PDB file of N, CA and C in Angstrom:
ATOM      1  N   UNK A   1      -2.430  24.197  77.087  1.00  0.00           N
ATOM      2  CA  UNK A   1      -3.052  23.435  78.166  1.00  0.00           C
ATOM      3  C   UNK A   1      -2.003  22.507  78.754  1.00  0.00           C
ATOM      4  N   UNK A   2      -1.871  22.538  80.039  1.00  0.00           N
ATOM      5  CA  UNK A   2      -0.906  21.698  80.734  1.00  0.00           C
ATOM      6  C   UNK A   2      -1.347  20.241  80.650  1.00  0.00           C
ATOM      7  N   UNK A   3      -0.409  19.347  80.360  1.00  0.00           N
ATOM      8  CA  UNK A   3      -0.718  17.924  80.212  1.00  0.00           C
ATOM      9  C   UNK A   3      -1.377  17.342  81.461  1.00  0.00           C
ATOM     10  N   UNK A   4      -1.044  17.869  82.642  1.00  0.00           N
ATOM     11  CA  UNK A   4      -1.577  17.308  83.879  1.00  0.00           C
ATOM     12  C   UNK A   4      -2.884  17.969  84.303  1.00  0.00           C
ATOM     13  N   UNK A   5      -3.270  19.043  83.630  1.00  0.00           N
ATOM     14  CA  UNK A   5      -4.492  19.748  83.989  1.00  0.00           C
ATOM     15  C   UNK A   5      -5.705  18.960  83.517  1.00  0.00           C
ATOM     16  N   UNK A   6      -6.633  18.729  84.420  1.00  0.00           N
ATOM     17  CA  UNK A   6      -7.878  18.066  84.073  1.00  0.00           C
ATOM     18  C   UNK A   6      -8.952  19.130  83.901  1.00  0.00           C
ATOM     19  N   UNK A   7      -9.528  19.184  82.721  1.00  0.00           N
ATOM     20  CA  UNK A   7     -10.564  20.166  82.443  1.00  0.00           C
ATOM     21  C   UNK A   7     -11.923  19.503  82.393  1.00  0.00           C
ATOM     22  N   UNK A   8     -12.920  20.286  82.707  1.00  0.00           N
ATOM     23  CA  UNK A   8     -14.286  19.925  82.383  1.00  0.00           C
ATOM     24  C   UNK A   8     -14.670  20.795  81.195  1.00  0.00           C
ATOM     25  N   UNK A   9     -15.787  20.493  80.579  1.00  0.00           N
ATOM     26  CA  UNK A   9     -16.252  21.319  79.467  1.00  0.00           C
ATOM     27  C   UNK A   9     -16.393  22.766  79.926  1.00  0.00           C
ATOM     28  N   UNK A  10     -16.951  22.943  81.116  1.00  0.00           N
ATOM     29  CA  UNK A  10     -17.197  24.289  81.636  1.00  0.00           C
ATOM     30  C   UNK A  10     -15.900  25.052  81.911  1.00  0.00           C
ATOM     31  N   UNK A  11     -14.912  24.392  82.518  1.00  0.00           N
ATOM     32  CA  UNK A  11     -13.651  25.091  82.787  1.00  0.00           C
ATOM     33  C   UNK A  11     -12.904  25.380  81.489  1.00  0.00           C
ATOM     34  N   UNK A  12     -13.024  24.482  80.531  1.00  0.00           N
ATOM     35  CA  UNK A  12     -12.356  24.699  79.245  1.00  0.00           C
ATOM     36  C   UNK A  12     -12.968  25.886  78.510  1.00  0.00           C
ATOM     37  N   UNK A  13     -14.299  25.979  78.491  1.00  0.00           N
ATOM     38  CA  UNK A  13     -14.923  27.112  77.803  1.00  0.00           C
ATOM     39  C   UNK A  13     -14.620  28.424  78.517  1.00  0.00           C
ATOM     40  N   UNK A  14     -14.547  28.383  79.837  1.00  0.00           N
ATOM     41  CA  UNK A  14     -14.192  29.596  80.586  1.00  0.00           C
ATOM     42  C   UNK A  14     -12.772  30.033  80.233  1.00  0.00           C
ATOM     43  N   UNK A  15     -11.857  29.085  80.116  1.00  0.00           N
ATOM     44  CA  UNK A  15     -10.476  29.419  79.764  1.00  0.00           C
ATOM     45  C   UNK A  15     -10.398  29.947  78.330  1.00  0.00           C
ATOM     46  N   UNK A  16     -11.175  29.378  77.431  1.00  0.00           N
ATOM     47  CA  UNK A  16     -11.207  29.877  76.053  1.00  0.00           C
ATOM     48  C   UNK A  16     -11.653  31.339  76.044  1.00  0.00           C
ATOM     49  N   UNK A  17     -12.659  31.659  76.841  1.00  0.00           N
ATOM     50  CA  UNK A  17     -13.123  33.046  76.931  1.00  0.00           C
ATOM     51  C   UNK A  17     -12.021  33.963  77.452  1.00  0.00           C
ATOM     52  N   UNK A  18     -11.251  33.492  78.444  1.00  0.00           N
ATOM     53  CA  UNK A  18     -10.122  34.278  78.961  1.00  0.00           C
ATOM     54  C   UNK A  18      -9.082  34.516  77.866  1.00  0.00           C
ATOM     55  N   UNK A  19      -8.791  33.478  77.112  1.00  0.00           N
ATOM     56  CA  UNK A  19      -7.809  33.587  76.031  1.00  0.00           C
ATOM     57  C   UNK A  19      -8.277  34.604  74.996  1.00  0.00           C
ATOM     58  N   UNK A  20      -9.545  34.528  74.633  1.00  0.00           N
ATOM     59  CA  UNK A  20     -10.086  35.466  73.644  1.00  0.00           C
ATOM     60  C   UNK A  20      -9.991  36.900  74.148  1.00  0.00           C
ATOM     61  N   UNK A  21     -10.334  37.114  75.421  1.00  0.00           N
ATOM     62  CA  UNK A  21     -10.233  38.466  75.989  1.00  0.00           C
ATOM     63  C   UNK A  21      -8.793  38.971  75.940  1.00  0.00           C
ATOM     64  N   UNK A  22      -7.847  38.101  76.275  1.00  0.00           N
ATOM     65  CA  UNK A  22      -6.436  38.500  76.267  1.00  0.00           C
ATOM     66  C   UNK A  22      -5.979  38.838  74.845  1.00  0.00           C
ATOM     67  N   UNK A  23      -6.360  38.009  73.887  1.00  0.00           N
ATOM     68  CA  UNK A  23      -5.977  38.274  72.504  1.00  0.00           C
ATOM     69  C   UNK A  23      -6.642  39.548  71.983  1.00  0.00           C
ATOM     70  N   UNK A  24      -7.911  39.748  72.326  1.00  0.00           N
ATOM     71  CA  UNK A  24      -8.632  40.948  71.893  1.00  0.00           C
ATOM     72  C   UNK A  24      -8.064  42.223  72.499  1.00  0.00           C
ATOM     73  N   UNK A  25      -7.435  42.099  73.659  1.00  0.00           N
ATOM     74  CA  UNK A  25      -6.894  43.287  74.323  1.00  0.00           C
ATOM     75  C   UNK A  25      -5.727  43.892  73.546  1.00  0.00           C
ATOM     76  N   UNK A  26      -5.078  43.082  72.730  1.00  0.00           N
ATOM     77  CA  UNK A  26      -3.935  43.561  71.967  1.00  0.00           C
ATOM     78  C   UNK A  26      -2.666  43.698  72.788  1.00  0.00           C
ATOM     79  N   UNK A  27      -2.708  43.257  74.035  1.00  0.00           N
ATOM     80  CA  UNK A  27      -1.563  43.408  74.930  1.00  0.00           C
ATOM     81  C   UNK A  27      -0.597  42.229  74.889  1.00  0.00           C
ATOM     82  N   UNK A  28      -1.020  41.125  74.297  1.00  0.00           N
ATOM     83  CA  UNK A  28      -0.157  39.941  74.252  1.00  0.00           C
ATOM     84  C   UNK A  28       0.929  40.133  73.200  1.00  0.00           C
ATOM     85  N   UNK A  29       2.144  39.763  73.564  1.00  0.00           N
ATOM     86  CA  UNK A  29       3.250  39.810  72.618  1.00  0.00           C
ATOM     87  C   UNK A  29       3.157  38.659  71.626  1.00  0.00           C
ATOM     88  N   UNK A  30       4.085  38.622  70.721  1.00  0.00           N
ATOM     89  CA  UNK A  30       4.086  37.617  69.663  1.00  0.00           C
ATOM     90  C   UNK A  30       4.137  36.195  70.213  1.00  0.00           C
ATOM     91  N   UNK A  31       5.080  35.919  71.106  1.00  0.00           N
ATOM     92  CA  UNK A  31       5.232  34.572  71.669  1.00  0.00           C
ATOM     93  C   UNK A  31       4.007  34.191  72.502  1.00  0.00           C
ATOM     94  N   UNK A  32       3.525  35.137  73.313  1.00  0.00           N
ATOM     95  CA  UNK A  32       2.337  34.853  74.129  1.00  0.00           C
ATOM     96  C   UNK A  32       1.130  34.585  73.236  1.00  0.00           C
ATOM     97  N   UNK A  33       1.001  35.341  72.149  1.00  0.00           N
ATOM     98  CA  UNK A  33      -0.105  35.129  71.214  1.00  0.00           C
ATOM     99  C   UNK A  33      -0.056  33.720  70.640  1.00  0.00           C
ATOM    100  N   UNK A  34       1.131  33.292  70.244  1.00  0.00           N
ATOM    101  CA  UNK A  34       1.292  31.941  69.712  1.00  0.00           C
ATOM    102  C   UNK A  34       0.914  30.900  70.761  1.00  0.00           C
ATOM    103  N   UNK A  35       1.405  31.071  71.979  1.00  0.00           N
ATOM    104  CA  UNK A  35       1.103  30.125  73.059  1.00  0.00           C
ATOM    105  C   UNK A  35      -0.390  30.090  73.368  1.00  0.00           C
ATOM    106  N   UNK A  36      -1.022  31.258  73.396  1.00  0.00           N
ATOM    107  CA  UNK A  36      -2.459  31.322  73.671  1.00  0.00           C
ATOM    108  C   UNK A  36      -3.261  30.653  72.559  1.00  0.00           C
ATOM    109  N   UNK A  37      -2.839  30.861  71.321  1.00  0.00           N
ATOM    110  CA  UNK A  37      -3.530  30.222  70.195  1.00  0.00           C
ATOM    111  C   UNK A  37      -3.412  28.702  70.260  1.00  0.00           C
ATOM    112  N   UNK A  38      -2.229  28.214  70.611  1.00  0.00           N
ATOM    113  CA  UNK A  38      -2.035  26.765  70.755  1.00  0.00           C
ATOM    114  C   UNK A  38      -2.920  26.213  71.868  1.00  0.00           C
ATOM    115  N   UNK A  39      -2.907  26.889  73.009  1.00  0.00           N
ATOM    116  CA  UNK A  39      -3.734  26.441  74.132  1.00  0.00           C
ATOM    117  C   UNK A  39      -5.209  26.484  73.754  1.00  0.00           C
ATOM    118  N   UNK A  40      -5.619  27.551  73.101  1.00  0.00           N
ATOM    119  CA  UNK A  40      -7.012  27.680  72.681  1.00  0.00           C
ATOM    120  C   UNK A  40      -7.431  26.565  71.746  1.00  0.00           C
ATOM    121  N   UNK A  41      -6.565  26.226  70.812  1.00  0.00           N
ATOM    122  CA  UNK A  41      -6.878  25.146  69.877  1.00  0.00           C
ATOM    123  C   UNK A  41      -7.057  23.818  70.616  1.00  0.00           C
ATOM    124  N   UNK A  42      -6.159  23.529  71.548  1.00  0.00           N
ATOM    125  CA  UNK A  42      -6.270  22.293  72.333  1.00  0.00           C
ATOM    126  C   UNK A  42      -7.580  22.266  73.117  1.00  0.00           C
ATOM    127  N   UNK A  43      -7.948  23.403  73.685  1.00  0.00           N
ATOM    128  CA  UNK A  43      -9.185  23.474  74.460  1.00  0.00           C
ATOM    129  C   UNK A  43     -10.416  23.309  73.571  1.00  0.00           C
ATOM    130  N   UNK A  44     -10.385  23.913  72.394  1.00  0.00           N
ATOM    131  CA  UNK A  44     -11.503  23.766  71.455  1.00  0.00           C
ATOM    132  C   UNK A  44     -11.638  22.305  71.033  1.00  0.00           C
ATOM    133  N   UNK A  45     -10.516  21.643  70.769  1.00  0.00           N
ATOM    134  CA  UNK A  45     -10.553  20.224  70.411  1.00  0.00           C
ATOM    135  C   UNK A  45     -11.115  19.389  71.558  1.00  0.00           C
ATOM    136  N   UNK A  46     -10.719  19.718  72.794  1.00  0.00           N
ATOM    137  CA  UNK A  46     -11.246  19.019  73.961  1.00  0.00           C
ATOM    138  C   UNK A  46     -12.761  19.206  74.048  1.00  0.00           C
ATOM    139  N   UNK A  47     -13.214  20.450  73.893  1.00  0.00           N
ATOM    140  CA  UNK A  47     -14.650  20.739  73.980  1.00  0.00           C
ATOM    141  C   UNK A  47     -15.426  20.020  72.880  1.00  0.00           C
ATOM    142  N   UNK A  48     -14.872  19.991  71.675  1.00  0.00           N
ATOM    143  CA  UNK A  48     -15.530  19.297  70.570  1.00  0.00           C
ATOM    144  C   UNK A  48     -15.667  17.809  70.876  1.00  0.00           C
ATOM    145  N   UNK A  49     -14.631  17.219  71.447  1.00  0.00           N
ATOM    146  CA  UNK A  49     -14.682  15.797  71.810  1.00  0.00           C
ATOM    147  C   UNK A  49     -15.723  15.556  72.899  1.00  0.00           C
ATOM    148  N   UNK A  50     -15.800  16.467  73.864  1.00  0.00           N
ATOM    149  CA  UNK A  50     -16.806  16.340  74.926  1.00  0.00           C
ATOM    150  C   UNK A  50     -18.216  16.420  74.343  1.00  0.00           C
ATOM    151  N   UNK A  51     -18.443  17.365  73.446  1.00  0.00           N
ATOM    152  CA  UNK A  51     -19.757  17.501  72.819  1.00  0.00           C
ATOM    153  C   UNK A  51     -20.100  16.273  71.987  1.00  0.00           C
ATOM    154  N   UNK A  52     -19.124  15.727  71.277  1.00  0.00           N
ATOM    155  CA  UNK A  52     -19.349  14.503  70.508  1.00  0.00           C
ATOM    156  C   UNK A  52     -19.739  13.347  71.421  1.00  0.00           C
ATOM    157  N   UNK A  53     -19.045  13.228  72.553  1.00  0.00           N
ATOM    158  CA  UNK A  53     -19.335  12.143  73.496  1.00  0.00           C
ATOM    159  C   UNK A  53     -20.740  12.280  74.067  1.00  0.00           C
ATOM    160  N   UNK A  54     -21.108  13.493  74.421  1.00  0.00           N
ATOM    161  CA  UNK A  54     -22.451  13.717  74.964  1.00  0.00           C
ATOM    162  C   UNK A  54     -23.499  13.457  73.888  1.00  0.00           C
ATOM    163  N   UNK A  55     -23.228  13.914  72.680  1.00  0.00           N
ATOM    164  CA  UNK A  55     -24.157  13.669  71.576  1.00  0.00           C
ATOM    165  C   UNK A  55     -24.351  12.186  71.322  1.00  0.00           C
ATOM    166  N   UNK A  56     -23.260  11.448  71.383  1.00  0.00           N
ATOM    167  CA  UNK A  56     -23.342   9.995  71.204  1.00  0.00           C
ATOM    168  C   UNK A  56     -24.180   9.372  72.316  1.00  0.00           C
ATOM    169  N   UNK A  57     -23.963   9.837  73.531  1.00  0.00           N
ATOM    170  CA  UNK A  57     -24.743   9.316  74.650  1.00  0.00           C
ATOM    171  C   UNK A  57     -26.226   9.594  74.492  1.00  0.00           C
ATOM    172  N   UNK A  58     -26.549  10.782  74.038  1.00  0.00           N
ATOM    173  CA  UNK A  58     -27.955  11.127  73.825  1.00  0.00           C
ATOM    174  C   UNK A  58     -28.561  10.306  72.704  1.00  0.00           C
ATOM    175  N   UNK A  59     -27.779  10.100  71.668  1.00  0.00           N
ATOM    176  CA  UNK A  59     -28.260   9.285  70.552  1.00  0.00           C
ATOM    177  C   UNK A  59     -28.554   7.863  71.020  1.00  0.00           C
ATOM    178  N   UNK A  60     -27.684   7.341  71.866  1.00  0.00           N
ATOM    179  CA  UNK A  60     -27.878   5.982  72.372  1.00  0.00           C
ATOM    180  C   UNK A  60     -29.130   5.882  73.228  1.00  0.00           C
ATOM    181  N   UNK A  61     -29.446   6.932  73.912  1.00  0.00           N
ATOM    182  CA  UNK A  61     -30.630   6.902  74.761  1.00  0.00           C
ATOM    183  C   UNK A  61     -31.917   6.841  73.950  1.00  0.00           C
ATOM    184  N   UNK A  62     -31.932   7.571  72.869  1.00  0.00           N
ATOM    185  CA  UNK A  62     -33.116   7.614  72.005  1.00  0.00           C
ATOM    186  C   UNK A  62     -34.386   7.700  72.835  1.00  0.00           C
ATOM    187  N   UNK A  63     -34.475   8.737  73.590  1.00  0.00           N
ATOM    188  CA  UNK A  63     -35.588   8.901  74.516  1.00  0.00           C
ATOM    189  C   UNK A  63     -36.939   8.866  73.825  1.00  0.00           C
ATOM    190  N   UNK A  64     -37.036   9.406  72.637  1.00  0.00           N
ATOM    191  CA  UNK A  64     -38.318   9.399  71.931  1.00  0.00           C
ATOM    192  C   UNK A  64     -38.795   7.974  71.666  1.00  0.00           C
ATOM    193  N   UNK A  65     -37.867   7.107  71.251  1.00  0.00           N
ATOM    194  CA  UNK A  65     -38.236   5.713  71.007  1.00  0.00           C
ATOM    195  C   UNK A  65     -38.648   5.023  72.298  1.00  0.00           C
ATOM    196  N   UNK A  66     -37.945   5.307  73.366  1.00  0.00           N
ATOM    197  CA  UNK A  66     -38.265   4.706  74.653  1.00  0.00           C
ATOM    198  C   UNK A  66     -39.655   5.118  75.112  1.00  0.00           C
ATOM    199  N   UNK A  67     -39.967   6.381  75.004  1.00  0.00           N
ATOM    200  CA  UNK A  67     -41.289   6.874  75.400  1.00  0.00           C
ATOM    201  C   UNK A  67     -42.364   6.217  74.548  1.00  0.00           C
ATOM    202  N   UNK A  68     -42.144   6.121  73.243  1.00  0.00           N
ATOM    203  CA  UNK A  68     -43.126   5.503  72.354  1.00  0.00           C
ATOM    204  C   UNK A  68     -43.359   4.043  72.729  1.00  0.00           C
ATOM    205  N   UNK A  69     -42.295   3.330  73.045  1.00  0.00           N
ATOM    206  CA  UNK A  69     -42.444   1.924  73.445  1.00  0.00           C
ATOM    207  C   UNK A  69     -43.228   1.799  74.745  1.00  0.00           C
ATOM    208  N   UNK A  70     -42.918   2.663  75.693  1.00  0.00           N
ATOM    209  CA  UNK A  70     -43.622   2.608  76.975  1.00  0.00           C
ATOM    210  C   UNK A  70     -45.095   2.933  76.810  1.00  0.00           C
ATOM    211  N   UNK A  71     -45.412   3.848  75.935  1.00  0.00           N
ATOM    212  CA  UNK A  71     -46.812   4.218  75.712  1.00  0.00           C
ATOM    213  C   UNK A  71     -47.580   3.107  75.019  1.00  0.00           C
ATOM    214  N   UNK A  72     -46.894   2.256  74.258  1.00  0.00           N
ATOM    215  CA  UNK A  72     -47.554   1.173  73.536  1.00  0.00           C
ATOM    216  C   UNK A  72     -47.795  -0.048  74.409  1.00  0.00           C
ATOM    217  N   UNK A  73     -47.103  -0.153  75.523  1.00  0.00           N
ATOM    218  CA  UNK A  73     -47.277  -1.313  76.403  1.00  0.00           C
ATOM    219  C   UNK A  73     -48.656  -1.268  77.052  1.00  0.00           C
ATOM    220  N   UNK A  74     -49.294  -2.433  77.118  1.00  0.00           N
ATOM    221  CA  UNK A  74     -50.583  -2.454  77.830  1.00  0.00           C
ATOM    222  C   UNK A  74     -50.346  -2.235  79.321  1.00  0.00           C
ATOM    223  N   UNK A  75     -51.240  -1.530  79.950  1.00  0.00           N
ATOM    224  CA  UNK A  75     -51.115  -1.292  81.382  1.00  0.00           C
ATOM    225  C   UNK A  75     -51.563  -2.525  82.136  1.00  0.00           C
ATOM    226  N   UNK A  76     -51.045  -2.690  83.346  1.00  0.00           N
ATOM    227  CA  UNK A  76     -51.416  -3.846  84.164  1.00  0.00           C
ATOM    228  C   UNK A  76     -52.892  -3.765  84.506  1.00  0.00           C
ATOM    229  N   UNK A  77     -53.551  -4.903  84.476  1.00  0.00           N
ATOM    230  CA  UNK A  77     -54.953  -4.972  84.837  1.00  0.00           C
ATOM    231  C   UNK A  77     -55.874  -4.676  83.672  1.00  0.00           C
ATOM    232  N   UNK A  78     -55.309  -4.456  82.466  1.00  0.00           N
ATOM    233  CA  UNK A  78     -56.155  -4.179  81.298  1.00  0.00           C
ATOM    234  C   UNK A  78     -56.465  -5.444  80.570  1.00  0.00           C
TER     235      UNK A  78
END
């Protein structure tokens, strides 16, 4: 992965799929295989970090608790 390339989760997973297809084809030479594996690892680490960040955000939201609190509040005019 190029240091200046900005990935999104979606572009990173698409690139991982491309790398897997290239490796599965058996057409990559030794050096290219090594480079693709390195790039793939970096992309997988990026995706894992993105998933962790999203998971943390969802945990912070705790939507179930919020809904329960809202349902327990008395309605206006009651």
